[in-house]
Amino acid sequence: TLARVHGAALGGGMGLASACDICVASTKAQFAT
């Protein structure tokens, strides 16, 4: 599983990115718990 992350990945969104095996993020992505 791979998360393609752009823009906001907040709360549960960060959880999705973490639950996937691999995370590839845009330079514009932002994460937060």
All heavy atoms as atom14 arrays in JSON, in Angstrom:
{
  "sequence": "TLARVHGAALGGGMGLASACDICVASTKAQFAT",
  "atom14_mask": [
    [1, 1, 1, 1, 1, 1, 1, 0, 0, 0, 0, 0, 0, 0],
    [1, 1, 1, 1, 1, 1, 1, 1, 0, 0, 0, 0, 0, 0],
    [1, 1, 1, 1, 1, 0, 0, 0, 0, 0, 0, 0, 0, 0],
    [1, 1, 1, 1, 1, 1, 1, 1, 1, 1, 1, 0, 0, 0],
    [1, 1, 1, 1, 1, 1, 1, 0, 0, 0, 0, 0, 0, 0],
    [1, 1, 1, 1, 1, 1, 1, 1, 1, 1, 0, 0, 0, 0],
    [1, 1, 1, 1, 0, 0, 0, 0, 0, 0, 0, 0, 0, 0],
    [1, 1, 1, 1, 1, 0, 0, 0, 0, 0, 0, 0, 0, 0],
    [1, 1, 1, 1, 1, 0, 0, 0, 0, 0, 0, 0, 0, 0],
    [1, 1, 1, 1, 1, 1, 1, 1, 0, 0, 0, 0, 0, 0],
    [1, 1, 1, 1, 0, 0, 0, 0, 0, 0, 0, 0, 0, 0],
    [1, 1, 1, 1, 0, 0, 0, 0, 0, 0, 0, 0, 0, 0],
    [1, 1, 1, 1, 0, 0, 0, 0, 0, 0, 0, 0, 0, 0],
    [1, 1, 1, 1, 1, 1, 1, 1, 0, 0, 0, 0, 0, 0],
    [1, 1, 1, 1, 0, 0, 0, 0, 0, 0, 0, 0, 0, 0],
    [1, 1, 1, 1, 1, 1, 1, 1, 0, 0, 0, 0, 0, 0],
    [1, 1, 1, 1, 1, 0, 0, 0, 0, 0, 0, 0, 0, 0],
    [1, 1, 1, 1, 1, 1, 0, 0, 0, 0, 0, 0, 0, 0],
    [1, 1, 1, 1, 1, 0, 0, 0, 0, 0, 0, 0, 0, 0],
    [1, 1, 1, 1, 1, 1, 0, 0, 0, 0, 0, 0, 0, 0],
    [1, 1, 1, 1, 1, 1, 1, 1, 0, 0, 0, 0, 0, 0],
    [1, 1, 1, 1, 1, 1, 1, 1, 0, 0, 0, 0, 0, 0],
    [1, 1, 1, 1, 1, 1, 0, 0, 0, 0, 0, 0, 0, 0],
    [1, 1, 1, 1, 1, 1, 1, 0, 0, 0, 0, 0, 0, 0],
    [1, 1, 1, 1, 1, 0, 0, 0, 0, 0, 0, 0, 0, 0],
    [1, 1, 1, 1, 1, 1, 0, 0, 0, 0, 0, 0, 0, 0],
    [1, 1, 1, 1, 1, 1, 1, 0, 0, 0, 0, 0, 0, 0],
    [1, 1, 1, 1, 1, 1, 1, 1, 1, 0, 0, 0, 0, 0],
    [1, 1, 1, 1, 1, 0, 0, 0, 0, 0, 0, 0, 0, 0],
    [1, 1, 1, 1, 1, 1, 1, 1, 1, 0, 0, 0, 0, 0],
    [1, 1, 1, 1, 1, 1, 1, 1, 1, 1, 1, 0, 0, 0],
    [1, 1, 1, 1, 1, 0, 0, 0, 0, 0, 0, 0, 0, 0],
    [1, 1, 1, 1, 1, 1, 1, 0, 0, 0, 0, 0, 0, 0]
  ],
  "atom14_positions": [
    [[0.84, -1.19, 0.0], [0.0, 0.0, 0.0], [0.87, 1.25, 0.0], [1.93, 1.28, 0.65], [-0.93, 0.02, 1.22], [-0.15, -0.09, 2.43], [-1.93, -1.12, 1.17], [0.0, 0.0, 0.0], [0.0, 0.0, 0.0], [0.0, 0.0, 0.0], [0.0, 0.0, 0.0], [0.0, 0.0, 0.0], [0.0, 0.0, 0.0], [0.0, 0.0, 0.0]],
    [[0.42, 2.26, -0.71], [1.21, 3.49, -0.85], [0.28, 4.69, -0.75], [-0.74, 4.75, -1.43], [1.93, 3.48, -2.19], [2.97, 4.57, -2.47], [3.99, 4.09, -3.5], [2.31, 5.84, -2.98], [0.0, 0.0, 0.0], [0.0, 0.0, 0.0], [0.0, 0.0, 0.0], [0.0, 0.0, 0.0], [0.0, 0.0, 0.0], [0.0, 0.0, 0.0]],
    [[0.62, 5.65, 0.1], [-0.13, 6.89, 0.23], [0.5, 7.96, -0.64], [1.7, 8.24, -0.53], [-0.17, 7.35, 1.68], [0.0, 0.0, 0.0], [0.0, 0.0, 0.0], [0.0, 0.0, 0.0], [0.0, 0.0, 0.0], [0.0, 0.0, 0.0], [0.0, 0.0, 0.0], [0.0, 0.0, 0.0], [0.0, 0.0, 0.0], [0.0, 0.0, 0.0]],
    [[-0.31, 8.55, -1.52], [0.13, 9.68, -2.36], [-0.43, 10.93, -1.69], [-1.61, 11.23, -1.78], [-0.44, 9.53, -3.78], [-0.22, 10.74, -4.69], [-1.27, 10.72, -5.8], [-1.15, 11.84, -6.71], [-1.7, 13.04, -6.53], [-2.4, 13.29, -5.41], [-1.57, 13.99, -7.44], [0.0, 0.0, 0.0], [0.0, 0.0, 0.0], [0.0, 0.0, 0.0]],
    [[0.43, 11.68, -1.02], [-0.04, 12.76, -0.16], [0.28, 14.12, -0.77], [1.44, 14.41, -1.1], [0.59, 12.66, 1.25], [0.1, 13.82, 2.13], [0.26, 11.33, 1.89], [0.0, 0.0, 0.0], [0.0, 0.0, 0.0], [0.0, 0.0, 0.0], [0.0, 0.0, 0.0], [0.0, 0.0, 0.0], [0.0, 0.0, 0.0], [0.0, 0.0, 0.0]],
    [[-0.75, 14.93, -0.91], [-0.58, 16.32, -1.33], [-1.44, 17.17, -0.41], [-2.41, 16.7, 0.18], [-1.02, 16.5, -2.78], [-2.5, 16.52, -2.96], [-3.28, 15.41, -2.74], [-3.35, 17.54, -3.29], [-4.55, 15.72, -2.95], [-4.63, 17.0, -3.29], [0.0, 0.0, 0.0], [0.0, 0.0, 0.0], [0.0, 0.0, 0.0], [0.0, 0.0, 0.0]],
    [[-1.09, 18.43, -0.25], [-1.9, 19.3, 0.59], [-1.93, 18.83, 2.03], [-0.95, 18.31, 2.56], [0.0, 0.0, 0.0], [0.0, 0.0, 0.0], [0.0, 0.0, 0.0], [0.0, 0.0, 0.0], [0.0, 0.0, 0.0], [0.0, 0.0, 0.0], [0.0, 0.0, 0.0], [0.0, 0.0, 0.0], [0.0, 0.0, 0.0], [0.0, 0.0, 0.0]],
    [[-3.09, 18.98, 2.66], [-3.21, 18.68, 4.09], [-3.43, 17.19, 4.33], [-4.23, 16.55, 3.65], [-4.37, 19.46, 4.69], [0.0, 0.0, 0.0], [0.0, 0.0, 0.0], [0.0, 0.0, 0.0], [0.0, 0.0, 0.0], [0.0, 0.0, 0.0], [0.0, 0.0, 0.0], [0.0, 0.0, 0.0], [0.0, 0.0, 0.0], [0.0, 0.0, 0.0]],
    [[-2.7, 16.66, 5.29], [-2.91, 15.3, 5.8], [-2.93, 15.43, 7.32], [-1.92, 15.23, 8.0], [-1.81, 14.35, 5.34], [0.0, 0.0, 0.0], [0.0, 0.0, 0.0], [0.0, 0.0, 0.0], [0.0, 0.0, 0.0], [0.0, 0.0, 0.0], [0.0, 0.0, 0.0], [0.0, 0.0, 0.0], [0.0, 0.0, 0.0], [0.0, 0.0, 0.0]],
    [[-4.08, 15.78, 7.84], [-4.21, 16.14, 9.25], [-5.0, 15.08, 10.01], [-5.92, 14.48, 9.46], [-4.93, 17.49, 9.38], [-4.38, 18.63, 8.51], [-5.21, 19.9, 8.72], [-2.92, 18.88, 8.78], [0.0, 0.0, 0.0], [0.0, 0.0, 0.0], [0.0, 0.0, 0.0], [0.0, 0.0, 0.0], [0.0, 0.0, 0.0], [0.0, 0.0, 0.0]],
    [[-4.66, 14.86, 11.27], [-5.4, 13.92, 12.09], [-5.49, 12.56, 11.42], [-4.49, 11.91, 11.16], [0.0, 0.0, 0.0], [0.0, 0.0, 0.0], [0.0, 0.0, 0.0], [0.0, 0.0, 0.0], [0.0, 0.0, 0.0], [0.0, 0.0, 0.0], [0.0, 0.0, 0.0], [0.0, 0.0, 0.0], [0.0, 0.0, 0.0], [0.0, 0.0, 0.0]],
    [[-6.72, 12.15, 11.12], [-6.91, 10.86, 10.45], [-6.21, 10.78, 9.11], [-5.82, 9.69, 8.66], [0.0, 0.0, 0.0], [0.0, 0.0, 0.0], [0.0, 0.0, 0.0], [0.0, 0.0, 0.0], [0.0, 0.0, 0.0], [0.0, 0.0, 0.0], [0.0, 0.0, 0.0], [0.0, 0.0, 0.0], [0.0, 0.0, 0.0], [0.0, 0.0, 0.0]],
    [[-6.03, 11.92, 8.44], [-5.29, 11.92, 7.18], [-3.84, 11.52, 7.38], [-3.27, 10.77, 6.59], [0.0, 0.0, 0.0], [0.0, 0.0, 0.0], [0.0, 0.0, 0.0], [0.0, 0.0, 0.0], [0.0, 0.0, 0.0], [0.0, 0.0, 0.0], [0.0, 0.0, 0.0], [0.0, 0.0, 0.0], [0.0, 0.0, 0.0], [0.0, 0.0, 0.0]],
    [[-3.24, 12.01, 8.47], [-1.88, 11.58, 8.81], [-1.89, 10.11, 9.2], [-0.93, 9.38, 8.93], [-1.31, 12.44, 9.92], [0.13, 12.11, 10.3], [0.86, 13.4, 11.31], [2.31, 12.56, 11.95], [0.0, 0.0, 0.0], [0.0, 0.0, 0.0], [0.0, 0.0, 0.0], [0.0, 0.0, 0.0], [0.0, 0.0, 0.0], [0.0, 0.0, 0.0]],
    [[-2.98, 9.67, 9.82], [-3.11, 8.26, 10.16], [-3.14, 7.37, 8.93], [-2.52, 6.31, 8.89], [0.0, 0.0, 0.0], [0.0, 0.0, 0.0], [0.0, 0.0, 0.0], [0.0, 0.0, 0.0], [0.0, 0.0, 0.0], [0.0, 0.0, 0.0], [0.0, 0.0, 0.0], [0.0, 0.0, 0.0], [0.0, 0.0, 0.0], [0.0, 0.0, 0.0]],
    [[-3.84, 7.81, 7.88], [-3.87, 7.04, 6.64], [-2.48, 6.92, 6.04], [-2.07, 5.85, 5.58], [-4.81, 7.71, 5.63], [-6.3, 7.68, 5.94], [-7.06, 8.52, 4.92], [-6.83, 6.26, 5.97], [0.0, 0.0, 0.0], [0.0, 0.0, 0.0], [0.0, 0.0, 0.0], [0.0, 0.0, 0.0], [0.0, 0.0, 0.0], [0.0, 0.0, 0.0]],
    [[-1.75, 8.05, 6.02], [-0.4, 8.04, 5.47], [0.51, 7.11, 6.26], [1.39, 6.44, 5.7], [0.17, 9.46, 5.46], [0.0, 0.0, 0.0], [0.0, 0.0, 0.0], [0.0, 0.0, 0.0], [0.0, 0.0, 0.0], [0.0, 0.0, 0.0], [0.0, 0.0, 0.0], [0.0, 0.0, 0.0], [0.0, 0.0, 0.0], [0.0, 0.0, 0.0]],
    [[0.3, 7.05, 7.58], [1.12, 6.2, 8.45], [0.74, 4.73, 8.35], [1.61, 3.86, 8.47], [0.98, 6.66, 9.9], [1.37, 8.0, 10.05], [0.0, 0.0, 0.0], [0.0, 0.0, 0.0], [0.0, 0.0, 0.0], [0.0, 0.0, 0.0], [0.0, 0.0, 0.0], [0.0, 0.0, 0.0], [0.0, 0.0, 0.0], [0.0, 0.0, 0.0]],
    [[-0.53, 4.45, 8.13], [-0.98, 3.06, 8.06], [-0.53, 2.38, 6.78], [-0.35, 1.16, 6.74], [-2.5, 2.99, 8.19], [0.0, 0.0, 0.0], [0.0, 0.0, 0.0], [0.0, 0.0, 0.0], [0.0, 0.0, 0.0], [0.0, 0.0, 0.0], [0.0, 0.0, 0.0], [0.0, 0.0, 0.0], [0.0, 0.0, 0.0], [0.0, 0.0, 0.0]],
    [[-0.38, 3.16, 5.7], [0.11, 2.59, 4.45], [1.58, 2.2, 4.6], [2.33, 2.78, 5.38], [-0.04, 3.6, 3.31], [-1.74, 3.85, 2.76], [0.0, 0.0, 0.0], [0.0, 0.0, 0.0], [0.0, 0.0, 0.0], [0.0, 0.0, 0.0], [0.0, 0.0, 0.0], [0.0, 0.0, 0.0], [0.0, 0.0, 0.0], [0.0, 0.0, 0.0]],
    [[2.01, 1.21, 3.83], [3.39, 0.75, 3.89], [4.38, 1.84, 3.49], [5.48, 1.93, 4.04], [3.6, -0.45, 2.95], [2.76, -1.65, 3.32], [2.47, -1.83, 4.51], [2.4, -2.42, 2.4], [0.0, 0.0, 0.0], [0.0, 0.0, 0.0], [0.0, 0.0, 0.0], [0.0, 0.0, 0.0], [0.0, 0.0, 0.0], [0.0, 0.0, 0.0]],
    [[4.0, 2.63, 2.49], [4.9, 3.61, 1.9], [4.16, 4.94, 1.78], [2.96, 4.96, 1.52], [5.37, 3.15, 0.5], [6.08, 1.79, 0.59], [6.28, 4.18, -0.16], [6.27, 1.1, -0.75], [0.0, 0.0, 0.0], [0.0, 0.0, 0.0], [0.0, 0.0, 0.0], [0.0, 0.0, 0.0], [0.0, 0.0, 0.0], [0.0, 0.0, 0.0]],
    [[4.88, 6.03, 1.97], [4.29, 7.36, 1.83], [5.17, 8.19, 0.91], [6.38, 8.36, 1.17], [4.15, 8.05, 3.18], [3.58, 9.76, 3.1], [0.0, 0.0, 0.0], [0.0, 0.0, 0.0], [0.0, 0.0, 0.0], [0.0, 0.0, 0.0], [0.0, 0.0, 0.0], [0.0, 0.0, 0.0], [0.0, 0.0, 0.0], [0.0, 0.0, 0.0]],
    [[4.58, 8.7, -0.17], [5.25, 9.64, -1.08], [4.48, 10.95, -1.0], [3.27, 10.97, -1.24], [5.3, 9.11, -2.52], [5.97, 10.12, -3.44], [6.03, 7.77, -2.58], [0.0, 0.0, 0.0], [0.0, 0.0, 0.0], [0.0, 0.0, 0.0], [0.0, 0.0, 0.0], [0.0, 0.0, 0.0], [0.0, 0.0, 0.0], [0.0, 0.0, 0.0]],
    [[5.16, 12.03, -0.66], [4.49, 13.29, -0.37], [4.97, 14.4, -1.3], [6.14, 14.45, -1.69], [4.72, 13.7, 1.08], [0.0, 0.0, 0.0], [0.0, 0.0, 0.0], [0.0, 0.0, 0.0], [0.0, 0.0, 0.0], [0.0, 0.0, 0.0], [0.0, 0.0, 0.0], [0.0, 0.0, 0.0], [0.0, 0.0, 0.0], [0.0, 0.0, 0.0]],
    [[4.06, 15.3, -1.62], [4.41, 16.53, -2.32], [5.17, 17.46, -1.37], [4.95, 17.44, -0.15], [3.13, 17.21, -2.8], [3.35, 18.58, -3.09], [0.0, 0.0, 0.0], [0.0, 0.0, 0.0], [0.0, 0.0, 0.0], [0.0, 0.0, 0.0], [0.0, 0.0, 0.0], [0.0, 0.0, 0.0], [0.0, 0.0, 0.0], [0.0, 0.0, 0.0]],
    [[6.02, 18.29, -1.93], [6.71, 19.29, -1.12], [5.74, 20.26, -0.47], [6.08, 20.94, 0.5], [7.72, 20.08, -1.96], [7.04, 20.64, -3.11], [8.86, 19.19, -2.44], [0.0, 0.0, 0.0], [0.0, 0.0, 0.0], [0.0, 0.0, 0.0], [0.0, 0.0, 0.0], [0.0, 0.0, 0.0], [0.0, 0.0, 0.0], [0.0, 0.0, 0.0]],
    [[4.52, 20.34, -1.0], [3.5, 21.23, -0.45], [2.63, 20.54, 0.61], [1.73, 21.17, 1.18], [2.6, 21.75, -1.56], [3.33, 22.49, -2.68], [4.04, 23.72, -2.17], [4.69, 24.49, -3.32], [5.45, 25.67, -2.84], [0.0, 0.0, 0.0], [0.0, 0.0, 0.0], [0.0, 0.0, 0.0], [0.0, 0.0, 0.0], [0.0, 0.0, 0.0]],
    [[2.89, 19.27, 0.88], [2.08, 18.54, 1.86], [2.38, 19.05, 3.27], [3.49, 19.48, 3.58], [2.37, 17.05, 1.77], [0.0, 0.0, 0.0], [0.0, 0.0, 0.0], [0.0, 0.0, 0.0], [0.0, 0.0, 0.0], [0.0, 0.0, 0.0], [0.0, 0.0, 0.0], [0.0, 0.0, 0.0], [0.0, 0.0, 0.0], [0.0, 0.0, 0.0]],
    [[1.37, 18.97, 4.11], [1.53, 19.29, 5.53], [0.81, 18.24, 6.35], [-0.31, 17.85, 6.02], [0.97, 20.68, 5.86], [1.8, 21.84, 5.33], [1.4, 23.14, 5.98], [0.23, 23.35, 6.32], [2.36, 24.03, 6.18], [0.0, 0.0, 0.0], [0.0, 0.0, 0.0], [0.0, 0.0, 0.0], [0.0, 0.0, 0.0], [0.0, 0.0, 0.0]],
    [[1.46, 17.81, 7.41], [0.92, 16.78, 8.29], [0.72, 17.36, 9.68], [1.37, 18.33, 10.07], [1.9, 15.6, 8.38], [2.24, 14.95, 7.07], [3.24, 15.48, 6.27], [1.58, 13.81, 6.66], [3.58, 14.88, 5.06], [1.91, 13.2, 5.46], [2.91, 13.73, 4.66], [0.0, 0.0, 0.0], [0.0, 0.0, 0.0], [0.0, 0.0, 0.0]],
    [[-0.16, 16.73, 10.45], [-0.3, 17.09, 11.87], [-1.17, 16.07, 12.58], [-2.12, 15.53, 12.0], [-0.91, 18.48, 12.04], [0.0, 0.0, 0.0], [0.0, 0.0, 0.0], [0.0, 0.0, 0.0], [0.0, 0.0, 0.0], [0.0, 0.0, 0.0], [0.0, 0.0, 0.0], [0.0, 0.0, 0.0], [0.0, 0.0, 0.0], [0.0, 0.0, 0.0]],
    [[-0.83, 15.81, 13.83], [-1.75, 15.12, 14.73], [-2.4, 16.24, 15.54], [-1.94, 16.61, 16.61], [-1.02, 14.12, 15.64], [0.12, 14.76, 16.22], [-0.55, 12.91, 14.86], [0.0, 0.0, 0.0], [0.0, 0.0, 0.0], [0.0, 0.0, 0.0], [0.0, 0.0, 0.0], [0.0, 0.0, 0.0], [0.0, 0.0, 0.0], [0.0, 0.0, 0.0]]
  ]
}
